[in-house]
Amino acid sequence: MRTVQAFTGEEKAVSSYQGALRNTYNYGRKAGLAKGLGLGSLHFVLFLSWALLIWFTSIVVHKGIANGGESFTTMLNVVIAGL
């Protein structure tokens, strides 16, 4: 900092640094938005599919096609296989 002060270039150095930070900040905002939307969409589909699986399992148990233990085991197999 003393070198910059010695040549009276503080204002130019500060404005250059602010410009570099502004570009980095804008890029970070865009990247964060893209990552957030992508991860949010992925979680939306994941939880929606789990809800559909649980709903379908409840229908199968209610109609007597399978008992609760078999349905729960099948549900866990589907969820773990999806990981």
PDB file of N, CA and C in Angstrom:
ATOM      1  N   MET A   1       0.820  -1.192   0.000  1.00  0.00           N
ATOM      2  CA  MET A   1       0.000   0.000   0.000  1.00  0.00           C
ATOM      3  C   MET A   1       0.864   1.257   0.000  1.00  0.00           C
ATOM      4  N   ARG A   2       2.021   1.180   0.632  1.00  0.00           N
ATOM      5  CA  ARG A   2       2.891   2.362   0.681  1.00  0.00           C
ATOM      6  C   ARG A   2       3.392   2.723  -0.712  1.00  0.00           C
ATOM      7  N   THR A   3       3.636   1.719  -1.552  1.00  0.00           N
ATOM      8  CA  THR A   3       4.098   1.993  -2.915  1.00  0.00           C
ATOM      9  C   THR A   3       3.019   2.731  -3.685  1.00  0.00           C
ATOM     10  N   VAL A   4       1.787   2.317  -3.521  1.00  0.00           N
ATOM     11  CA  VAL A   4       0.689   2.986  -4.212  1.00  0.00           C
ATOM     12  C   VAL A   4       0.540   4.415  -3.717  1.00  0.00           C
ATOM     13  N   GLN A   5       0.655   4.614  -2.404  1.00  0.00           N
ATOM     14  CA  GLN A   5       0.538   5.960  -1.850  1.00  0.00           C
ATOM     15  C   GLN A   5       1.696   6.847  -2.306  1.00  0.00           C
ATOM     16  N   ALA A   6       2.838   6.268  -2.428  1.00  0.00           N
ATOM     17  CA  ALA A   6       4.004   7.055  -2.807  1.00  0.00           C
ATOM     18  C   ALA A   6       3.857   7.621  -4.211  1.00  0.00           C
ATOM     19  N   PHE A   7       3.202   6.914  -5.090  1.00  0.00           N
ATOM     20  CA  PHE A   7       3.027   7.390  -6.462  1.00  0.00           C
ATOM     21  C   PHE A   7       1.644   8.006  -6.693  1.00  0.00           C
ATOM     22  N   THR A   8       0.913   8.262  -5.633  1.00  0.00           N
ATOM     23  CA  THR A   8      -0.422   8.868  -5.657  1.00  0.00           C
ATOM     24  C   THR A   8      -1.368   8.172  -6.624  1.00  0.00           C
ATOM     25  N   GLY A   9      -1.356   6.849  -6.604  1.00  0.00           N
ATOM     26  CA  GLY A   9      -2.242   6.075  -7.477  1.00  0.00           C
ATOM     27  C   GLY A   9      -3.314   5.329  -6.701  1.00  0.00           C
ATOM     28  N   GLU A  10      -3.661   5.862  -5.529  1.00  0.00           N
ATOM     29  CA  GLU A  10      -4.622   5.144  -4.692  1.00  0.00           C
ATOM     30  C   GLU A  10      -5.975   5.010  -5.386  1.00  0.00           C
ATOM     31  N   GLU A  11      -6.454   6.104  -5.935  1.00  0.00           N
ATOM     32  CA  GLU A  11      -7.790   6.093  -6.544  1.00  0.00           C
ATOM     33  C   GLU A  11      -7.853   5.120  -7.718  1.00  0.00           C
ATOM     34  N   LYS A  12      -6.811   5.105  -8.520  1.00  0.00           N
ATOM     35  CA  LYS A  12      -6.784   4.195  -9.669  1.00  0.00           C
ATOM     36  C   LYS A  12      -6.726   2.740  -9.197  1.00  0.00           C
ATOM     37  N   ALA A  13      -5.944   2.456  -8.160  1.00  0.00           N
ATOM     38  CA  ALA A  13      -5.839   1.100  -7.633  1.00  0.00           C
ATOM     39  C   ALA A  13      -7.157   0.641  -7.024  1.00  0.00           C
ATOM     40  N   VAL A  14      -7.819   1.543  -6.297  1.00  0.00           N
ATOM     41  CA  VAL A  14      -9.101   1.192  -5.676  1.00  0.00           C
ATOM     42  C   VAL A  14     -10.161   0.945  -6.736  1.00  0.00           C
ATOM     43  N   SER A  15     -10.238   1.788  -7.754  1.00  0.00           N
ATOM     44  CA  SER A  15     -11.246   1.601  -8.797  1.00  0.00           C
ATOM     45  C   SER A  15     -10.974   0.325  -9.601  1.00  0.00           C
ATOM     46  N   SER A  16      -9.709   0.012  -9.836  1.00  0.00           N
ATOM     47  CA  SER A  16      -9.361  -1.226 -10.535  1.00  0.00           C
ATOM     48  C   SER A  16      -9.766  -2.450  -9.718  1.00  0.00           C
ATOM     49  N   TYR A  17      -9.516  -2.378  -8.410  1.00  0.00           N
ATOM     50  CA  TYR A  17      -9.875  -3.478  -7.514  1.00  0.00           C
ATOM     51  C   TYR A  17     -11.389  -3.635  -7.434  1.00  0.00           C
ATOM     52  N   GLN A  18     -12.121  -2.517  -7.369  1.00  0.00           N
ATOM     53  CA  GLN A  18     -13.580  -2.584  -7.340  1.00  0.00           C
ATOM     54  C   GLN A  18     -14.135  -3.190  -8.617  1.00  0.00           C
ATOM     55  N   GLY A  19     -13.536  -2.862  -9.746  1.00  0.00           N
ATOM     56  CA  GLY A  19     -13.968  -3.436 -11.030  1.00  0.00           C
ATOM     57  C   GLY A  19     -13.760  -4.938 -11.065  1.00  0.00           C
ATOM     58  N   ALA A  20     -12.621  -5.365 -10.565  1.00  0.00           N
ATOM     59  CA  ALA A  20     -12.350  -6.811 -10.530  1.00  0.00           C
ATOM     60  C   ALA A  20     -13.320  -7.513  -9.590  1.00  0.00           C
ATOM     61  N   LEU A  21     -13.617  -6.906  -8.444  1.00  0.00           N
ATOM     62  CA  LEU A  21     -14.569  -7.495  -7.510  1.00  0.00           C
ATOM     63  C   LEU A  21     -15.981  -7.526  -8.094  1.00  0.00           C
ATOM     64  N   ARG A  22     -16.357  -6.496  -8.825  1.00  0.00           N
ATOM     65  CA  ARG A  22     -17.693  -6.440  -9.422  1.00  0.00           C
ATOM     66  C   ARG A  22     -17.885  -7.592 -10.412  1.00  0.00           C
ATOM     67  N   ASN A  23     -16.894  -7.852 -11.251  1.00  0.00           N
ATOM     68  CA  ASN A  23     -16.992  -8.956 -12.207  1.00  0.00           C
ATOM     69  C   ASN A  23     -17.107 -10.300 -11.488  1.00  0.00           C
ATOM     70  N   THR A  24     -16.299 -10.473 -10.465  1.00  0.00           N
ATOM     71  CA  THR A  24     -16.336 -11.720  -9.700  1.00  0.00           C
ATOM     72  C   THR A  24     -17.670 -11.881  -8.982  1.00  0.00           C
ATOM     73  N   TYR A  25     -18.186 -10.798  -8.428  1.00  0.00           N
ATOM     74  CA  TYR A  25     -19.469 -10.833  -7.734  1.00  0.00           C
ATOM     75  C   TYR A  25     -20.609 -11.211  -8.685  1.00  0.00           C
ATOM     76  N   ASN A  26     -20.629 -10.602  -9.876  1.00  0.00           N
ATOM     77  CA  ASN A  26     -21.679 -10.920 -10.850  1.00  0.00           C
ATOM     78  C   ASN A  26     -21.601 -12.378 -11.293  1.00  0.00           C
ATOM     79  N   TYR A  27     -20.397 -12.862 -11.525  1.00  0.00           N
ATOM     80  CA  TYR A  27     -20.234 -14.264 -11.907  1.00  0.00           C
ATOM     81  C   TYR A  27     -20.695 -15.184 -10.780  1.00  0.00           C
ATOM     82  N   GLY A  28     -20.341 -14.856  -9.547  1.00  0.00           N
ATOM     83  CA  GLY A  28     -20.753 -15.664  -8.399  1.00  0.00           C
ATOM     84  C   GLY A  28     -22.257 -15.704  -8.231  1.00  0.00           C
ATOM     85  N   ARG A  29     -22.926 -14.595  -8.459  1.00  0.00           N
ATOM     86  CA  ARG A  29     -24.394 -14.571  -8.368  1.00  0.00           C
ATOM     87  C   ARG A  29     -25.027 -15.472  -9.420  1.00  0.00           C
ATOM     88  N   LYS A  30     -24.531 -15.399 -10.647  1.00  0.00           N
ATOM     89  CA  LYS A  30     -25.083 -16.232 -11.715  1.00  0.00           C
ATOM     90  C   LYS A  30     -24.822 -17.714 -11.456  1.00  0.00           C
ATOM     91  N   ALA A  31     -23.620 -18.026 -11.014  1.00  0.00           N
ATOM     92  CA  ALA A  31     -23.282 -19.424 -10.726  1.00  0.00           C
ATOM     93  C   ALA A  31     -24.106 -19.946  -9.554  1.00  0.00           C
ATOM     94  N   GLY A  32     -24.286 -19.145  -8.529  1.00  0.00           N
ATOM     95  CA  GLY A  32     -25.089 -19.550  -7.381  1.00  0.00           C
ATOM     96  C   GLY A  32     -26.544 -19.768  -7.750  1.00  0.00           C
ATOM     97  N   LEU A  33     -27.081 -18.909  -8.601  1.00  0.00           N
ATOM     98  CA  LEU A  33     -28.461 -19.072  -9.054  1.00  0.00           C
ATOM     99  C   LEU A  33     -28.619 -20.355  -9.858  1.00  0.00           C
ATOM    100  N   ALA A  34     -27.686 -20.618 -10.753  1.00  0.00           N
ATOM    101  CA  ALA A  34     -27.766 -21.832 -11.565  1.00  0.00           C
ATOM    102  C   ALA A  34     -27.661 -23.086 -10.698  1.00  0.00           C
ATOM    103  N   LYS A  35     -26.739 -23.083  -9.762  1.00  0.00           N
ATOM    104  CA  LYS A  35     -26.586 -24.238  -8.873  1.00  0.00           C
ATOM    105  C   LYS A  35     -27.814 -24.419  -7.992  1.00  0.00           C
ATOM    106  N   GLY A  36     -28.347 -23.331  -7.483  1.00  0.00           N
ATOM    107  CA  GLY A  36     -29.531 -23.407  -6.636  1.00  0.00           C
ATOM    108  C   GLY A  36     -30.744 -23.924  -7.380  1.00  0.00           C
ATOM    109  N   LEU A  37     -30.955 -23.427  -8.590  1.00  0.00           N
ATOM    110  CA  LEU A  37     -32.093 -23.907  -9.374  1.00  0.00           C
ATOM    111  C   LEU A  37     -31.923 -25.374  -9.760  1.00  0.00           C
ATOM    112  N   GLY A  38     -30.719 -25.758 -10.117  1.00  0.00           N
ATOM    113  CA  GLY A  38     -30.477 -27.155 -10.482  1.00  0.00           C
ATOM    114  C   GLY A  38     -30.685 -28.095  -9.312  1.00  0.00           C
ATOM    115  N   LEU A  39     -30.124 -27.756  -8.174  1.00  0.00           N
ATOM    116  CA  LEU A  39     -30.266 -28.599  -6.990  1.00  0.00           C
ATOM    117  C   LEU A  39     -31.704 -28.603  -6.492  1.00  0.00           C
ATOM    118  N   GLY A  40     -32.362 -27.456  -6.554  1.00  0.00           N
ATOM    119  CA  GLY A  40     -33.763 -27.382  -6.148  1.00  0.00           C
ATOM    120  C   GLY A  40     -34.656 -28.235  -7.030  1.00  0.00           C
ATOM    121  N   SER A  41     -34.415 -28.209  -8.330  1.00  0.00           N
ATOM    122  CA  SER A  41     -35.198 -29.035  -9.256  1.00  0.00           C
ATOM    123  C   SER A  41     -34.956 -30.515  -8.998  1.00  0.00           C
ATOM    124  N   LEU A  42     -33.717 -30.865  -8.748  1.00  0.00           N
ATOM    125  CA  LEU A  42     -33.380 -32.255  -8.467  1.00  0.00           C
ATOM    126  C   LEU A  42     -34.088 -32.741  -7.203  1.00  0.00           C
ATOM    127  N   HIS A  43     -34.058 -31.937  -6.151  1.00  0.00           N
ATOM    128  CA  HIS A  43     -34.728 -32.320  -4.916  1.00  0.00           C
ATOM    129  C   HIS A  43     -36.240 -32.372  -5.095  1.00  0.00           C
ATOM    130  N   PHE A  44     -36.791 -31.472  -5.883  1.00  0.00           N
ATOM    131  CA  PHE A  44     -38.228 -31.483  -6.145  1.00  0.00           C
ATOM    132  C   PHE A  44     -38.645 -32.807  -6.779  1.00  0.00           C
ATOM    133  N   VAL A  45     -37.933 -33.224  -7.804  1.00  0.00           N
ATOM    134  CA  VAL A  45     -38.250 -34.481  -8.478  1.00  0.00           C
ATOM    135  C   VAL A  45     -38.038 -35.667  -7.536  1.00  0.00           C
ATOM    136  N   LEU A  46     -36.980 -35.642  -6.761  1.00  0.00           N
ATOM    137  CA  LEU A  46     -36.687 -36.729  -5.831  1.00  0.00           C
ATOM    138  C   LEU A  46     -37.790 -36.890  -4.793  1.00  0.00           C
ATOM    139  N   PHE A  47     -38.172 -35.810  -4.140  1.00  0.00           N
ATOM    140  CA  PHE A  47     -39.192 -35.901  -3.097  1.00  0.00           C
ATOM    141  C   PHE A  47     -40.560 -36.194  -3.681  1.00  0.00           C
ATOM    142  N   LEU A  48     -40.823 -35.701  -4.875  1.00  0.00           N
ATOM    143  CA  LEU A  48     -42.082 -36.014  -5.538  1.00  0.00           C
ATOM    144  C   LEU A  48     -42.169 -37.510  -5.861  1.00  0.00           C
ATOM    145  N   SER A  49     -41.069 -38.086  -6.304  1.00  0.00           N
ATOM    146  CA  SER A  49     -41.081 -39.526  -6.602  1.00  0.00           C
ATOM    147  C   SER A  49     -41.219 -40.351  -5.325  1.00  0.00           C
ATOM    148  N   TRP A  50     -40.612 -39.894  -4.227  1.00  0.00           N
ATOM    149  CA  TRP A  50     -40.781 -40.602  -2.952  1.00  0.00           C
ATOM    150  C   TRP A  50     -42.231 -40.532  -2.488  1.00  0.00           C
ATOM    151  N   ALA A  51     -42.854 -39.383  -2.652  1.00  0.00           N
ATOM    152  CA  ALA A  51     -44.262 -39.243  -2.257  1.00  0.00           C
ATOM    153  C   ALA A  51     -45.147 -40.155  -3.098  1.00  0.00           C
ATOM    154  N   LEU A  52     -44.858 -40.248  -4.379  1.00  0.00           N
ATOM    155  CA  LEU A  52     -45.623 -41.144  -5.252  1.00  0.00           C
ATOM    156  C   LEU A  52     -45.425 -42.596  -4.844  1.00  0.00           C
ATOM    157  N   LEU A  53     -44.218 -42.956  -4.488  1.00  0.00           N
ATOM    158  CA  LEU A  53     -43.922 -44.315  -4.040  1.00  0.00           C
ATOM    159  C   LEU A  53     -44.687 -44.651  -2.760  1.00  0.00           C
ATOM    160  N   ILE A  54     -44.688 -43.740  -1.811  1.00  0.00           N
ATOM    161  CA  ILE A  54     -45.403 -43.978  -0.553  1.00  0.00           C
ATOM    162  C   ILE A  54     -46.907 -44.063  -0.796  1.00  0.00           C
ATOM    163  N   TRP A  55     -47.429 -43.186  -1.647  1.00  0.00           N
ATOM    164  CA  TRP A  55     -48.854 -43.224  -1.961  1.00  0.00           C
ATOM    165  C   TRP A  55     -49.231 -44.560  -2.612  1.00  0.00           C
ATOM    166  N   PHE A  56     -48.448 -44.996  -3.602  1.00  0.00           N
ATOM    167  CA  PHE A  56     -48.750 -46.245  -4.291  1.00  0.00           C
ATOM    168  C   PHE A  56     -48.648 -47.430  -3.332  1.00  0.00           C
ATOM    169  N   THR A  57     -47.671 -47.408  -2.441  1.00  0.00           N
ATOM    170  CA  THR A  57     -47.521 -48.479  -1.454  1.00  0.00           C
ATOM    171  C   THR A  57     -48.735 -48.529  -0.532  1.00  0.00           C
ATOM    172  N   SER A  58     -49.251 -47.390  -0.140  1.00  0.00           N
ATOM    173  CA  SER A  58     -50.442 -47.384   0.719  1.00  0.00           C
ATOM    174  C   SER A  58     -51.646 -47.967  -0.006  1.00  0.00           C
ATOM    175  N   ILE A  59     -51.764 -47.730  -1.292  1.00  0.00           N
ATOM    176  CA  ILE A  59     -52.869 -48.309  -2.078  1.00  0.00           C
ATOM    177  C   ILE A  59     -52.721 -49.828  -2.128  1.00  0.00           C
ATOM    178  N   VAL A  60     -51.514 -50.310  -2.357  1.00  0.00           N
ATOM    179  CA  VAL A  60     -51.263 -51.754  -2.438  1.00  0.00           C
ATOM    180  C   VAL A  60     -51.598 -52.434  -1.109  1.00  0.00           C
ATOM    181  N   VAL A  61     -51.206 -51.821  -0.003  1.00  0.00           N
ATOM    182  CA  VAL A  61     -51.487 -52.402   1.317  1.00  0.00           C
ATOM    183  C   VAL A  61     -52.986 -52.338   1.602  1.00  0.00           C
ATOM    184  N   HIS A  62     -53.622 -51.236   1.274  1.00  0.00           N
ATOM    185  CA  HIS A  62     -55.052 -51.065   1.543  1.00  0.00           C
ATOM    186  C   HIS A  62     -55.902 -52.082   0.776  1.00  0.00           C
ATOM    187  N   LYS A  63     -55.511 -52.381  -0.446  1.00  0.00           N
ATOM    188  CA  LYS A  63     -56.277 -53.345  -1.256  1.00  0.00           C
ATOM    189  C   LYS A  63     -55.921 -54.788  -0.936  1.00  0.00           C
ATOM    190  N   GLY A  64     -54.939 -55.007  -0.091  1.00  0.00           N
ATOM    191  CA  GLY A  64     -54.585 -56.358   0.325  1.00  0.00           C
ATOM    192  C   GLY A  64     -53.724 -57.117  -0.672  1.00  0.00           C
ATOM    193  N   ILE A  65     -53.111 -56.422  -1.599  1.00  0.00           N
ATOM    194  CA  ILE A  65     -52.244 -57.079  -2.589  1.00  0.00           C
ATOM    195  C   ILE A  65     -50.959 -57.555  -1.911  1.00  0.00           C
ATOM    196  N   ALA A  66     -50.453 -56.786  -0.978  1.00  0.00           N
ATOM    197  CA  ALA A  66     -49.258 -57.160  -0.227  1.00  0.00           C
ATOM    198  C   ALA A  66     -49.433 -56.667   1.201  1.00  0.00           C
ATOM    199  N   ASN A  67     -48.663 -57.247   2.111  1.00  0.00           N
ATOM    200  CA  ASN A  67     -48.749 -56.767   3.495  1.00  0.00           C
ATOM    201  C   ASN A  67     -47.762 -55.612   3.710  1.00  0.00           C
ATOM    202  N   GLY A  68     -47.808 -55.040   4.890  1.00  0.00           N
ATOM    203  CA  GLY A  68     -46.982 -53.868   5.176  1.00  0.00           C
ATOM    204  C   GLY A  68     -45.496 -54.137   5.130  1.00  0.00           C
ATOM    205  N   GLY A  69     -45.069 -55.299   5.621  1.00  0.00           N
ATOM    206  CA  GLY A  69     -43.645 -55.633   5.639  1.00  0.00           C
ATOM    207  C   GLY A  69     -43.072 -55.769   4.248  1.00  0.00           C
ATOM    208  N   GLU A  70     -43.788 -56.479   3.375  1.00  0.00           N
ATOM    209  CA  GLU A  70     -43.311 -56.627   1.989  1.00  0.00           C
ATOM    210  C   GLU A  70     -43.270 -55.271   1.281  1.00  0.00           C
ATOM    211  N   SER A  71     -44.278 -54.475   1.514  1.00  0.00           N
ATOM    212  CA  SER A  71     -44.335 -53.166   0.864  1.00  0.00           C
ATOM    213  C   SER A  71     -43.210 -52.262   1.354  1.00  0.00           C
ATOM    214  N   PHE A  72     -42.954 -52.290   2.668  1.00  0.00           N
ATOM    215  CA  PHE A  72     -41.886 -51.467   3.222  1.00  0.00           C
ATOM    216  C   PHE A  72     -40.522 -51.902   2.687  1.00  0.00           C
ATOM    217  N   THR A  73     -40.309 -53.218   2.596  1.00  0.00           N
ATOM    218  CA  THR A  73     -39.048 -53.735   2.058  1.00  0.00           C
ATOM    219  C   THR A  73     -38.873 -53.314   0.603  1.00  0.00           C
ATOM    220  N   THR A  74     -39.939 -53.421  -0.160  1.00  0.00           N
ATOM    221  CA  THR A  74     -39.872 -53.009  -1.560  1.00  0.00           C
ATOM    222  C   THR A  74     -39.588 -51.510  -1.673  1.00  0.00           C
ATOM    223  N   MET A  75     -40.231 -50.728  -0.812  1.00  0.00           N
ATOM    224  CA  MET A  75     -40.003 -49.287  -0.815  1.00  0.00           C
ATOM    225  C   MET A  75     -38.544 -48.961  -0.527  1.00  0.00           C
ATOM    226  N   LEU A  76     -37.979 -49.603   0.488  1.00  0.00           N
ATOM    227  CA  LEU A  76     -36.577 -49.353   0.806  1.00  0.00           C
ATOM    228  C   LEU A  76     -35.654 -49.770  -0.336  1.00  0.00           C
ATOM    229  N   ASN A  77     -35.968 -50.877  -0.977  1.00  0.00           N
ATOM    230  CA  ASN A  77     -35.147 -51.332  -2.112  1.00  0.00           C
ATOM    231  C   ASN A  77     -35.173 -50.326  -3.245  1.00  0.00           C
ATOM    232  N   VAL A  78     -36.348 -49.785  -3.502  1.00  0.00           N
ATOM    233  CA  VAL A  78     -36.456 -48.800  -4.591  1.00  0.00           C
ATOM    234  C   VAL A  78     -35.683 -47.533  -4.245  1.00  0.00           C
ATOM    235  N   VAL A  79     -35.817 -47.062  -3.014  1.00  0.00           N
ATOM    236  CA  VAL A  79     -35.141 -45.827  -2.608  1.00  0.00           C
ATOM    237  C   VAL A  79     -33.627 -46.021  -2.627  1.00  0.00           C
ATOM    238  N   ILE A  80     -33.133 -47.123  -2.087  1.00  0.00           N
ATOM    239  CA  ILE A  80     -31.686 -47.364  -2.041  1.00  0.00           C
ATOM    240  C   ILE A  80     -31.138 -47.605  -3.444  1.00  0.00           C
ATOM    241  N   ALA A  81     -31.896 -48.280  -4.292  1.00  0.00           N
ATOM    242  CA  ALA A  81     -31.432 -48.496  -5.665  1.00  0.00           C
ATOM    243  C   ALA A  81     -31.360 -47.173  -6.434  1.00  0.00           C
ATOM    244  N   GLY A  82     -32.211 -46.213  -6.059  1.00  0.00           N
ATOM    245  CA  GLY A  82     -32.194 -44.931  -6.720  1.00  0.00           C
ATOM    246  C   GLY A  82     -31.032 -44.039  -6.314  1.00  0.00           C
ATOM    247  N   LEU A  83     -30.362 -44.391  -5.227  1.00  0.00           N
ATOM    248  CA  LEU A  83     -29.226 -43.573  -4.808  1.00  0.00           C
ATOM    249  C   LEU A  83     -28.064 -43.861  -5.713  1.00  0.00           C
TER     250      LEU A  83
END
